[in-house]
Every structure is written in structure tokens, then in C-alpha cells.
Amino acid sequence: MFNLRGVLWLGLYLLFILAPLFALMLGAMPPARGFWTEFAVALGYSGLAMMGLQFGLTARFRYVTAPWGEDVIYHFHRQVSLVAVGLVFAHPLIIFAAQPELLARPESGEIPIGAVAALLSLAALGALVVAALWRVKLKLSYELWHRTHIAIIGGIVHMVGWSFYLQDPAKRALWIALVAFWVVLLVYVRLVKPLFLLRRPYRVAAVQAQRGDATTLVMEPVGHAGFTFTPGQFGWLTVWGGAFNVTAHPFSFSSSAEAPGGRVEMTIRKLGDFTSTIASVKVGQRVYLDGPYGAFTIGQPADIHVLIAGGIGITPMMSMLLTLADRGDRRPVVLFYGSADPDSTIFQTELAALLPRLDLTIVPVLSKPPQGWAGETGHITAELLSRHLPPAYEQHEYFICGPNPMMDAVETALDRLGVPMSKYHSERYSFA
């Protein structure tokens, strides 16, 4: 289906990136400095514009993220960030290759502030990229990595300090307006949204231990009605540090969308960093939830809903199943659930309790099965899916959530079965 709103937002994104660059060519122009120098400057301005707009991509505007889903926006943010950093690094390299005399120390001995800011910005950007790509191996916390995003400030100071193209008042006004727009986005993310969350806190009503080193937080709204969500969506959770904490963490809701009193649940597996602290949360503790987000939701007409989960990817599926049960929906559902062994399989008891309430078939798939296991083993493949699903595979509606390698393999399997991309939906929950 043609996504008109998505196309419009993409066009607006390109406009914000390219318009400042084109505007530099209007009005009074400084003396030309050679093709490669001007090309390098164009790369620098484009990279800086892309970096500034990253605040908008992560500001969590629902109207912007709705056409694609929040997870897609964040993965786009990550990839575009690498492109922007590449453009910024190419800027000085090309300039110095075209004008090597610029590497010489000024006769006055004083290094211009624009050059100092450029060096600091490049160093900060380099550290940011290294931390982003190898954060886990370097054992850097997600919170610390998140704070390194201030690197863009050095780029702005460099641009203003050099100001070769900003002598014209109109051009200077344009970039002042653009920087002001970035600041407004930053203020919204760091001040306005936290103030809103501060007025709508949640209380931890229960902390439930689960199999597979997971913990479920049951949360109730305090002084407000909470929010409604669609099964499969997620929210941003802040447990430590209050509503103004720089870093929130995304987790799918694992409870029914029909739960009374605005109560919501999130089931979180211990994977290091922030998740290792969830089991220590106390009943009665105040937390903050920003949501709901995500386009990974059930409700499309289909003969059969096929849920394919791996590991902690079962959480949005559990929300879907509980909601269907609470609504008395008897449409056929087949759940393929891949995990290592029975001890790491979350929600065993809860899934069994849903069998009388739903037209549900559960297909557990274990990669490390115990002795005597008679069920499916290994990984979820096209052959395994075809053994448990009726033909006309392209008529079913598929929902996939789990580790990225598992999701890639399942999408390949569905392609082999002739399932079009429009019939399956993926939730890739690793945003960082």
C-alpha cells in the first residue's frame, strides 16, 4: 500500500538537509577557491545539517514515526549518522589534500577558534562512532555513550568561527534559524517531554521473576488514567534518575491492552547494562513511561495470524495473545517460539493457560533440547514452517520478533515460501 505520509516526511527530511546547502549559493558569493575545496565545504555543510536533524529523528514524535514504526526510525537514525560522520570527516581530508599549505602553523602562532573547534569536534565524533560500533566490546554503558552525542556542538562552533560563507546576512540568518530549530528540538526532548512525564508517573505494583533470567515489572499509573496501547507496541522506560534522566530504554508491553486501570507490564531479560538492574527494582518505586510507540501491531484481516518469536522477542507476542483472549477473539493463531532450552523459555505457564481461551497452536523450537525432547529442534526454517502451517502461505499474516540473525533467517524462509513482504511485520528491538 502506498504510504503517502511516509513519502511526505521523507521529502521534508531531504529538504532540511539540502535547502541550507542550496541557500549558500544564493546572494553575494565569496571568491571561488577551487572545485575540490568547494566540494569539501559542501560535504561539511551537508553532514552538519544531517547531524543536527538527528535530534528530530529521536524526538519520538508519534505523527512522524507512525508511517514506519519507531524501530525503523531508530535504525535509519543509526545508518544516517554514519553517513553524516563520513561526510564530516571527508570535509577536512579533501581540503587538506587540495590545499596542503593549510597544514602549516599560522605565522602569528595563534590557531583560529574555528580550527580548534573542528579538531575537537572530529575527535568527539570519532569517539562517538567507536563507542557506537563497539560499545558492548568496550563495556561502555548505554547511558555514557548517549551523553557523547554533544559532539555536534563543536561542528557548529567551527562553522560560525570560520564563517567563510556566512558573511551574507541572509545566509547567516538561515543558519541561525536552523541552529535555533535544533536547539528547540533539544529543549523539547530534554525539558518539555520530561516535564510532561513528571506529571504522569507510574508506580511499580509487582516485580515478578520469570524463566530465562527475565523479570516482569507490573506498573500502575499514579494520579492519572494512564494510556491505551495496541498489542505489540512498546514504551520508553525510565527507572533510575527521574523523568529528566538523559537515557530512557525501549521495551515492549507484555500485558493485555485490555488490562484495567491503565496497568501495563514489561518483561525484561537480563542482558547487561541497565537490564541487569531490573530485578532489584522495589515494589512501590516510582518510574516513568513514555508511550505507546510502534507499528508492530496485530489487527490486519487474515485467515491465520502467525507469530514467530525468538528469546525475549516473545514479549510483544504475549501482549497480542492476551489481548485476543480478553477480547474473545477466536481467529486461528500459530505461535512459533524459538529458545535455547526449556529453562530459557519465558511464559511457559502463561501460554499454557491461554490454550482454552484461544484457537492457539504453540510450536516450541529448541536449539539445545534436553534428552527425550520430541518437539522441533534447531532453528525456524522454511521446512519447519511448512510442517505446521496450511498451504496458501501468502494468505497468512506474520509477525516476527527476536534477535537480528533469527529475524533475517525467518524473513528469508518466508521469501522461500512465497510470502510477500506486505504480509509480514518485523520488530527489531535493538535500537542502540
Protein backbone atom coordinates (compact mmCIF):
# COMPACT_ATOMS: atom_id res chain seq x y z
CA MET A 1 0.00 0.00 0.00
CA PHE A 2 1.33 3.44 -0.97
CA ASN A 3 2.48 5.33 2.09
CA LEU A 4 1.78 8.98 1.21
CA ARG A 5 2.54 10.32 4.68
CA GLY A 6 5.85 8.48 4.73
CA VAL A 7 6.83 9.93 1.35
CA LEU A 8 5.95 13.45 2.51
CA TRP A 9 8.07 13.14 5.66
CA LEU A 10 10.98 11.75 3.63
CA GLY A 11 10.70 14.72 1.27
CA LEU A 12 10.69 17.13 4.21
CA TYR A 13 13.77 15.40 5.65
CA LEU A 14 15.65 15.84 2.36
CA LEU A 15 14.53 19.48 2.21
CA PHE A 16 16.01 20.20 5.65
CA ILE A 17 19.31 18.64 4.58
CA LEU A 18 19.68 20.16 1.11
CA ALA A 19 17.96 23.55 1.41
CA PRO A 20 20.70 25.13 3.60
CA LEU A 21 23.33 23.94 1.13
CA PHE A 22 21.49 25.37 -1.88
CA ALA A 23 20.84 28.61 0.01
CA LEU A 24 24.59 29.15 0.35
CA MET A 25 24.79 29.55 -3.43
CA LEU A 26 22.30 32.44 -3.44
CA GLY A 27 23.05 36.11 -2.92
CA ALA A 28 26.57 37.52 -2.51
CA MET A 29 29.25 34.91 -3.09
CA PRO A 30 32.83 34.98 -1.74
CA PRO A 31 35.72 34.38 -4.15
CA ALA A 32 35.84 30.84 -5.54
CA ARG A 33 38.56 28.59 -4.06
CA GLY A 34 38.73 25.69 -6.49
CA PHE A 35 36.42 22.73 -7.15
CA TRP A 36 37.75 20.31 -4.50
CA THR A 37 37.73 22.91 -1.75
CA GLU A 38 34.16 23.93 -2.55
CA PHE A 39 33.14 20.28 -2.85
CA ALA A 40 34.63 19.56 0.57
CA VAL A 41 32.76 22.53 2.07
CA ALA A 42 29.51 21.24 0.58
CA LEU A 43 30.12 17.85 2.20
CA GLY A 44 30.78 19.53 5.55
CA TYR A 45 27.61 21.61 5.47
CA SER A 46 25.52 18.59 4.39
CA GLY A 47 26.99 16.40 7.11
CA LEU A 48 26.36 19.05 9.76
CA ALA A 49 22.76 19.51 8.61
CA MET A 50 22.18 15.75 8.79
CA MET A 51 23.67 15.58 12.27
CA GLY A 52 21.51 18.43 13.52
CA LEU A 53 18.37 16.79 12.18
CA GLN A 54 19.17 13.62 14.11
CA PHE A 55 17.61 15.28 17.17
CA GLY A 56 14.33 15.31 15.27
CA LEU A 57 14.56 11.63 14.37
CA THR A 58 14.93 10.66 18.03
CA ALA A 59 12.45 13.17 19.47
CA ARG A 60 9.72 10.48 19.38
CA PHE A 61 7.07 12.47 17.53
CA ARG A 62 4.31 9.90 17.01
CA TYR A 63 2.97 11.56 13.86
CA VAL A 64 6.43 11.30 12.29
CA THR A 65 7.19 7.73 13.35
CA ALA A 66 3.73 6.26 12.65
CA PRO A 67 4.26 5.54 8.90
CA TRP A 68 7.25 3.26 9.57
CA GLY A 69 7.41 2.43 13.25
CA GLU A 70 9.81 3.68 15.90
CA ASP A 71 12.27 0.81 15.43
CA VAL A 72 12.68 1.61 11.73
CA ILE A 73 13.24 5.30 12.53
CA TYR A 74 15.95 4.45 15.05
CA HIS A 75 17.75 2.09 12.69
CA PHE A 76 17.55 4.76 10.00
CA HIS A 77 18.95 7.22 12.55
CA ARG A 78 21.91 4.93 13.18
CA GLN A 79 22.74 4.40 9.50
CA VAL A 80 22.30 8.06 8.57
CA SER A 81 24.54 9.02 11.50
CA LEU A 82 27.36 7.00 9.96
CA VAL A 83 26.80 8.71 6.60
CA ALA A 84 26.81 12.15 8.27
CA VAL A 85 30.01 11.41 10.17
CA GLY A 86 31.60 10.17 6.95
CA LEU A 87 30.74 13.43 5.20
CA VAL A 88 32.11 15.48 8.10
CA PHE A 89 35.42 13.54 8.13
CA ALA A 90 35.72 13.76 4.33
CA HIS A 91 35.43 17.56 4.57
CA PRO A 92 38.88 18.29 6.13
CA LEU A 93 40.62 15.41 4.36
CA ILE A 94 39.68 16.74 0.92
CA ILE A 95 40.50 20.33 1.87
CA PHE A 96 43.98 19.41 3.13
CA ALA A 97 44.59 17.26 0.05
CA ALA A 98 43.63 20.19 -2.19
CA GLN A 99 45.46 22.82 -0.10
CA PRO A 100 48.30 21.14 1.86
CA GLU A 101 49.66 24.56 2.81
CA LEU A 102 46.79 24.85 5.31
CA LEU A 103 48.54 22.27 7.49
CA ALA A 104 51.34 24.76 8.23
CA ARG A 105 51.16 26.62 11.56
CA PRO A 106 49.97 30.25 11.17
CA GLU A 107 52.74 32.87 11.30
CA SER A 108 51.05 34.54 14.24
CA GLY A 109 51.19 31.26 16.13
CA GLU A 110 47.52 31.54 17.02
CA ILE A 111 45.24 28.77 15.78
CA PRO A 112 41.80 30.14 14.74
CA ILE A 113 38.92 29.17 17.00
CA GLY A 114 37.16 27.58 14.04
CA ALA A 115 40.09 25.21 13.53
CA VAL A 116 40.24 24.34 17.24
CA ALA A 117 36.52 23.62 17.29
CA ALA A 118 36.90 21.46 14.18
CA LEU A 119 39.64 19.36 15.79
CA LEU A 120 37.66 18.89 18.99
CA SER A 121 34.51 18.04 17.05
CA LEU A 122 36.28 15.46 14.90
CA ALA A 123 37.84 13.85 17.97
CA ALA A 124 34.45 13.71 19.70
CA LEU A 125 32.77 12.31 16.58
CA GLY A 126 35.45 9.66 16.24
CA ALA A 127 34.93 8.63 19.85
CA LEU A 128 31.16 8.58 19.29
CA VAL A 129 31.44 6.27 16.28
CA VAL A 130 33.87 3.93 18.04
CA ALA A 131 31.57 3.78 21.06
CA ALA A 132 28.52 3.17 18.87
CA LEU A 133 30.06 0.33 16.88
CA TRP A 134 32.00 -1.38 19.66
CA ARG A 135 30.15 -0.25 22.79
CA VAL A 136 29.48 -3.78 24.02
CA LYS A 137 33.05 -4.98 23.44
CA LEU A 138 34.42 -1.88 25.15
CA LYS A 139 31.98 -2.43 28.04
CA LEU A 140 30.69 1.14 27.83
CA SER A 141 27.30 1.77 29.39
CA TYR A 142 24.48 2.85 27.11
CA GLU A 143 24.00 5.95 29.30
CA LEU A 144 27.62 7.08 28.91
CA TRP A 145 27.52 6.51 25.15
CA HIS A 146 24.29 8.50 24.93
CA ARG A 147 25.96 11.55 26.51
CA THR A 148 28.69 11.65 23.85
CA HIS A 149 26.17 12.98 21.31
CA ILE A 150 27.12 16.58 22.21
CA ALA A 151 29.87 16.30 19.58
CA ILE A 152 27.76 18.30 17.11
CA ILE A 153 28.32 21.47 19.18
CA GLY A 154 31.94 21.60 18.03
CA GLY A 155 30.82 21.44 14.41
CA ILE A 156 28.51 24.41 14.88
CA VAL A 157 31.25 26.46 16.55
CA HIS A 158 33.61 25.56 13.67
CA MET A 159 31.07 26.68 11.08
CA VAL A 160 30.41 30.00 12.83
CA GLY A 161 34.09 30.60 13.65
CA TRP A 162 35.18 30.05 10.04
CA SER A 163 32.10 31.82 8.59
CA PHE A 164 33.50 31.97 5.02
CA TYR A 165 30.04 31.53 3.52
CA LEU A 166 28.11 33.28 6.29
CA GLN A 167 29.16 36.89 5.63
CA ASP A 168 25.92 37.48 3.74
CA PRO A 169 23.19 38.47 6.27
CA ALA A 170 20.52 36.29 4.63
CA LYS A 171 22.70 33.19 4.76
CA ARG A 172 23.74 33.92 8.31
CA ALA A 173 20.07 34.31 9.27
CA LEU A 174 19.24 30.98 7.63
CA TRP A 175 21.84 29.06 9.62
CA ILE A 176 20.94 30.87 12.82
CA ALA A 177 17.34 29.77 12.26
CA LEU A 178 18.46 26.21 11.55
CA VAL A 179 20.59 26.05 14.68
CA ALA A 180 17.69 27.54 16.66
CA PHE A 181 15.48 24.77 15.29
CA TRP A 182 17.98 22.16 16.52
CA VAL A 183 18.03 23.84 19.93
CA VAL A 184 14.22 23.79 20.08
CA LEU A 185 14.25 20.07 19.32
CA LEU A 186 16.83 19.51 22.03
CA VAL A 187 14.81 21.55 24.56
CA TYR A 188 11.70 19.57 23.68
CA VAL A 189 13.45 16.24 24.16
CA ARG A 190 15.35 17.17 27.32
CA LEU A 191 12.90 19.54 29.05
CA VAL A 192 9.34 19.64 27.66
CA LYS A 193 8.80 15.90 27.32
CA PRO A 194 10.33 15.11 30.77
CA LEU A 195 8.05 17.75 32.32
CA PHE A 196 5.06 16.00 30.79
CA LEU A 197 6.27 12.63 32.08
CA LEU A 198 6.90 14.12 35.53
CA ARG A 199 3.19 14.85 35.81
CA ARG A 200 2.25 11.30 34.78
CA PRO A 201 4.33 8.91 36.91
CA TYR A 202 3.82 5.19 37.40
CA ARG A 203 4.22 3.01 40.46
CA VAL A 204 5.71 -0.48 40.41
CA ALA A 205 2.90 -2.70 41.72
CA ALA A 206 4.76 -6.02 41.42
CA VAL A 207 8.13 -7.46 40.40
CA GLN A 208 7.76 -10.99 39.03
CA ALA A 209 10.67 -13.32 38.33
CA GLN A 210 10.40 -15.22 35.05
CA ARG A 211 12.30 -18.07 33.41
CA GLY A 212 15.26 -17.24 31.25
CA ASP A 213 16.75 -14.64 33.59
CA ALA A 214 13.82 -12.28 32.90
CA THR A 215 11.75 -10.06 35.17
CA THR A 216 8.26 -8.62 34.69
CA LEU A 217 7.52 -5.14 36.03
CA VAL A 218 3.83 -4.53 36.71
CA MET A 219 3.21 -0.77 36.69
CA GLU A 220 0.16 1.30 37.57
CA PRO A 221 -0.47 5.00 36.81
CA VAL A 222 -0.35 7.41 39.75
CA GLY A 223 -2.83 10.30 39.67
CA HIS A 224 -3.84 9.81 36.05
CA ALA A 225 -5.62 7.28 33.82
CA GLY A 226 -2.52 6.06 32.02
CA PHE A 227 -2.58 5.46 28.27
CA THR A 228 -4.10 2.92 25.93
CA PHE A 229 -1.92 0.90 23.60
CA THR A 230 -2.28 -1.59 20.80
CA PRO A 231 -0.84 -5.07 21.44
CA GLY A 232 2.66 -5.27 20.02
CA GLN A 233 3.60 -1.68 20.82
CA PHE A 234 6.30 -0.57 23.25
CA GLY A 235 7.22 2.29 25.57
CA TRP A 236 10.33 4.06 26.83
CA LEU A 237 11.01 3.22 30.46
CA THR A 238 12.93 5.36 32.97
CA VAL A 239 13.56 3.57 36.27
CA TRP A 240 16.57 5.31 37.81
CA GLY A 241 17.27 9.04 37.98
CA GLY A 242 13.80 10.50 37.48
CA ALA A 243 11.94 11.89 34.50
CA PHE A 244 14.88 14.12 33.45
CA ASN A 245 17.30 11.23 33.08
CA VAL A 246 19.10 11.60 29.75
CA THR A 247 18.54 7.98 28.77
CA ALA A 248 15.30 6.01 28.62
CA HIS A 249 15.10 2.39 27.43
CA PRO A 250 12.60 0.87 24.98
CA PHE A 251 10.71 -2.31 25.95
CA SER A 252 7.63 -3.97 24.51
CA PHE A 253 4.49 -4.23 26.60
CA SER A 254 3.88 -7.85 27.60
CA SER A 255 0.44 -7.32 29.15
CA SER A 256 -3.01 -7.26 27.60
CA ALA A 257 -4.17 -3.99 26.08
CA GLU A 258 -7.44 -4.64 27.91
CA ALA A 259 -5.87 -4.60 31.39
CA PRO A 260 -7.94 -2.45 33.78
CA GLY A 261 -6.87 0.80 35.41
CA GLY A 262 -4.18 1.67 32.89
CA ARG A 263 -1.92 -1.09 34.23
CA VAL A 264 0.95 -2.10 31.95
CA GLU A 265 3.60 -4.79 32.17
CA MET A 266 7.06 -5.05 30.66
CA THR A 267 9.07 -8.27 30.72
CA ILE A 268 12.81 -7.61 30.53
CA ARG A 269 15.61 -10.15 30.16
CA LYS A 270 18.94 -9.57 31.90
CA LEU A 271 21.37 -8.79 29.08
CA GLY A 272 23.80 -6.43 30.85
CA ASP A 273 23.89 -2.68 31.47
CA PHE A 274 20.51 -1.32 32.52
CA THR A 275 18.67 -4.64 32.24
CA SER A 276 20.82 -6.17 34.97
CA THR A 277 19.26 -3.77 37.50
CA ILE A 278 15.60 -4.59 36.82
CA ALA A 279 15.39 -7.47 39.29
CA SER A 280 16.44 -5.07 42.07
CA VAL A 281 13.53 -2.68 41.48
CA LYS A 282 11.33 -2.43 44.58
CA VAL A 283 7.56 -2.57 44.77
CA GLY A 284 6.25 0.95 45.22
CA GLN A 285 9.13 2.57 43.32
CA ARG A 286 8.19 5.46 41.06
CA VAL A 287 9.02 5.04 37.36
CA TYR A 288 8.18 6.90 34.14
CA LEU A 289 6.74 5.58 30.90
CA ASP A 290 6.67 7.35 27.55
CA GLY A 291 4.39 5.59 25.13
CA PRO A 292 2.90 3.95 23.29
CA TYR A 293 5.04 3.69 20.17
CA GLY A 294 5.48 1.27 17.30
CA ALA A 295 3.63 0.00 14.23
CA PHE A 296 4.16 -3.68 15.09
CA THR A 297 0.51 -4.34 15.89
CA ILE A 298 -1.98 -7.09 15.22
CA GLY A 299 -5.38 -6.41 13.70
CA GLN A 300 -4.94 -6.89 9.96
CA PRO A 301 -7.51 -9.22 8.33
CA ALA A 302 -6.02 -12.66 7.71
CA ASP A 303 -7.07 -16.30 7.72
CA ILE A 304 -4.33 -17.15 10.25
CA HIS A 305 -2.08 -14.99 12.41
CA VAL A 306 1.41 -16.47 12.61
CA LEU A 307 3.60 -15.22 15.46
CA ILE A 308 7.31 -16.06 15.23
CA ALA A 309 9.34 -15.19 18.32
CA GLY A 310 12.90 -15.78 19.46
CA GLY A 311 14.09 -15.31 23.05
CA ILE A 312 12.81 -12.11 24.64
CA GLY A 313 11.00 -11.36 21.36
CA ILE A 314 8.10 -13.27 22.90
CA THR A 315 7.05 -10.17 24.87
CA PRO A 316 5.03 -8.34 22.17
CA MET A 317 3.56 -11.70 21.10
CA MET A 318 2.38 -12.30 24.66
CA SER A 319 0.63 -8.95 24.63
CA MET A 320 -1.09 -9.87 21.37
CA LEU A 321 -2.24 -13.26 22.68
CA LEU A 322 -3.51 -11.90 26.00
CA THR A 323 -5.40 -9.13 24.24
CA LEU A 324 -7.02 -11.55 21.76
CA ALA A 325 -8.07 -13.75 24.67
CA ASP A 326 -9.52 -10.84 26.66
CA ARG A 327 -11.47 -9.74 23.60
CA GLY A 328 -12.83 -13.22 22.94
CA ASP A 329 -11.19 -13.31 19.51
CA ARG A 330 -11.18 -16.89 18.20
CA ARG A 331 -9.26 -16.35 14.98
CA PRO A 332 -6.63 -19.08 14.49
CA VAL A 333 -3.16 -18.20 15.80
CA VAL A 334 0.03 -20.23 15.42
CA LEU A 335 2.98 -19.31 17.68
CA PHE A 336 6.49 -20.47 16.77
CA TYR A 337 8.73 -19.83 19.76
CA GLY A 338 12.47 -20.39 19.47
CA SER A 339 14.67 -20.59 22.55
CA ALA A 340 17.73 -22.46 23.75
CA ASP A 341 16.12 -24.89 26.21
CA PRO A 342 13.04 -25.19 28.47
CA ASP A 343 14.71 -23.20 31.26
CA SER A 344 15.14 -20.18 28.98
CA THR A 345 11.60 -20.35 27.58
CA ILE A 346 9.66 -17.43 29.06
CA PHE A 347 5.89 -17.54 29.75
CA GLN A 348 5.51 -21.33 29.67
CA THR A 349 2.77 -21.32 32.30
CA GLU A 350 1.03 -18.25 30.87
CA LEU A 351 0.99 -19.69 27.34
CA ALA A 352 -0.46 -22.98 28.55
CA ALA A 353 -3.23 -21.09 30.37
CA LEU A 354 -4.21 -19.37 27.10
CA LEU A 355 -4.89 -22.61 25.19
CA PRO A 356 -8.52 -22.96 26.38
CA ARG A 357 -9.23 -19.30 25.62
CA LEU A 358 -7.83 -19.11 22.09
CA ASP A 359 -7.67 -21.10 18.88
CA LEU A 360 -3.93 -21.30 19.53
CA THR A 361 -1.26 -23.71 18.33
CA ILE A 362 2.14 -23.43 20.03
CA VAL A 363 5.24 -24.78 18.29
CA PRO A 364 8.28 -24.56 20.62
CA VAL A 365 11.64 -24.85 18.86
CA LEU A 366 14.71 -25.60 21.00
CA SER A 367 18.29 -25.14 19.80
CA LYS A 368 19.65 -27.12 22.79
CA PRO A 369 16.90 -29.65 23.52
CA PRO A 370 17.07 -31.89 26.61
CA GLN A 371 17.28 -35.65 26.30
CA GLY A 372 13.94 -37.11 25.31
CA TRP A 373 12.63 -33.91 23.68
CA ALA A 374 10.14 -34.88 20.95
CA GLY A 375 9.40 -31.42 19.57
CA GLU A 376 11.07 -29.27 16.95
CA THR A 377 14.81 -28.60 17.28
CA GLY A 378 17.36 -26.31 15.69
CA HIS A 379 16.16 -23.09 14.09
CA ILE A 380 12.96 -21.85 12.48
CA THR A 381 13.27 -22.65 8.77
CA ALA A 382 11.01 -22.73 5.73
CA GLU A 383 10.70 -26.50 6.10
CA LEU A 384 9.72 -26.19 9.77
CA LEU A 385 7.10 -23.53 8.99
CA SER A 386 5.61 -25.59 6.19
CA ARG A 387 5.21 -28.60 8.53
CA HIS A 388 2.89 -26.64 10.83
CA LEU A 389 1.11 -24.17 8.56
CA PRO A 390 -1.56 -24.94 5.97
CA PRO A 391 -0.73 -24.10 2.32
CA ALA A 392 -1.56 -20.74 0.76
CA TYR A 393 1.22 -19.31 2.95
CA GLU A 394 0.85 -15.93 1.26
CA GLN A 395 -2.63 -15.54 2.80
CA HIS A 396 -1.41 -15.66 6.41
CA GLU A 397 -0.29 -12.62 8.40
CA TYR A 398 3.16 -12.98 10.02
CA PHE A 399 4.72 -11.17 12.98
CA ILE A 400 8.43 -11.66 13.69
CA CYS A 401 10.42 -10.51 16.72
CA GLY A 402 13.73 -11.73 18.13
CA PRO A 403 17.49 -11.42 17.67
CA ASN A 404 18.52 -9.95 14.33
CA PRO A 405 20.13 -13.15 12.91
CA MET A 406 16.98 -15.12 13.72
CA MET A 407 14.77 -12.47 12.09
CA ASP A 408 16.93 -12.38 8.96
CA ALA A 409 16.68 -16.17 8.68
CA VAL A 410 12.89 -16.16 9.16
CA GLU A 411 12.39 -13.43 6.56
CA THR A 412 14.49 -15.47 4.11
CA ALA A 413 12.37 -18.53 4.92
CA LEU A 414 9.14 -16.64 4.27
CA ASP A 415 10.51 -15.45 0.95
CA ARG A 416 11.19 -19.08 0.02
CA LEU A 417 7.57 -19.90 0.83
CA GLY A 418 6.37 -17.16 -1.49
CA VAL A 419 5.16 -14.80 1.25
CA PRO A 420 5.21 -11.16 0.03
CA MET A 421 6.83 -8.53 2.24
CA SER A 422 3.44 -6.86 2.74
CA LYS A 423 2.26 -9.93 4.69
CA TYR A 424 4.94 -9.99 7.37
CA HIS A 425 5.90 -7.46 10.01
CA SER A 426 9.18 -7.30 11.91
CA GLU A 427 10.11 -5.65 15.20
CA ARG A 428 13.86 -5.21 15.64
CA TYR A 429 14.15 -4.17 19.25
CA SER A 430 17.91 -3.47 19.45
CA PHE A 431 17.96 0.33 18.96
CA ALA A 432 21.39 1.26 20.23
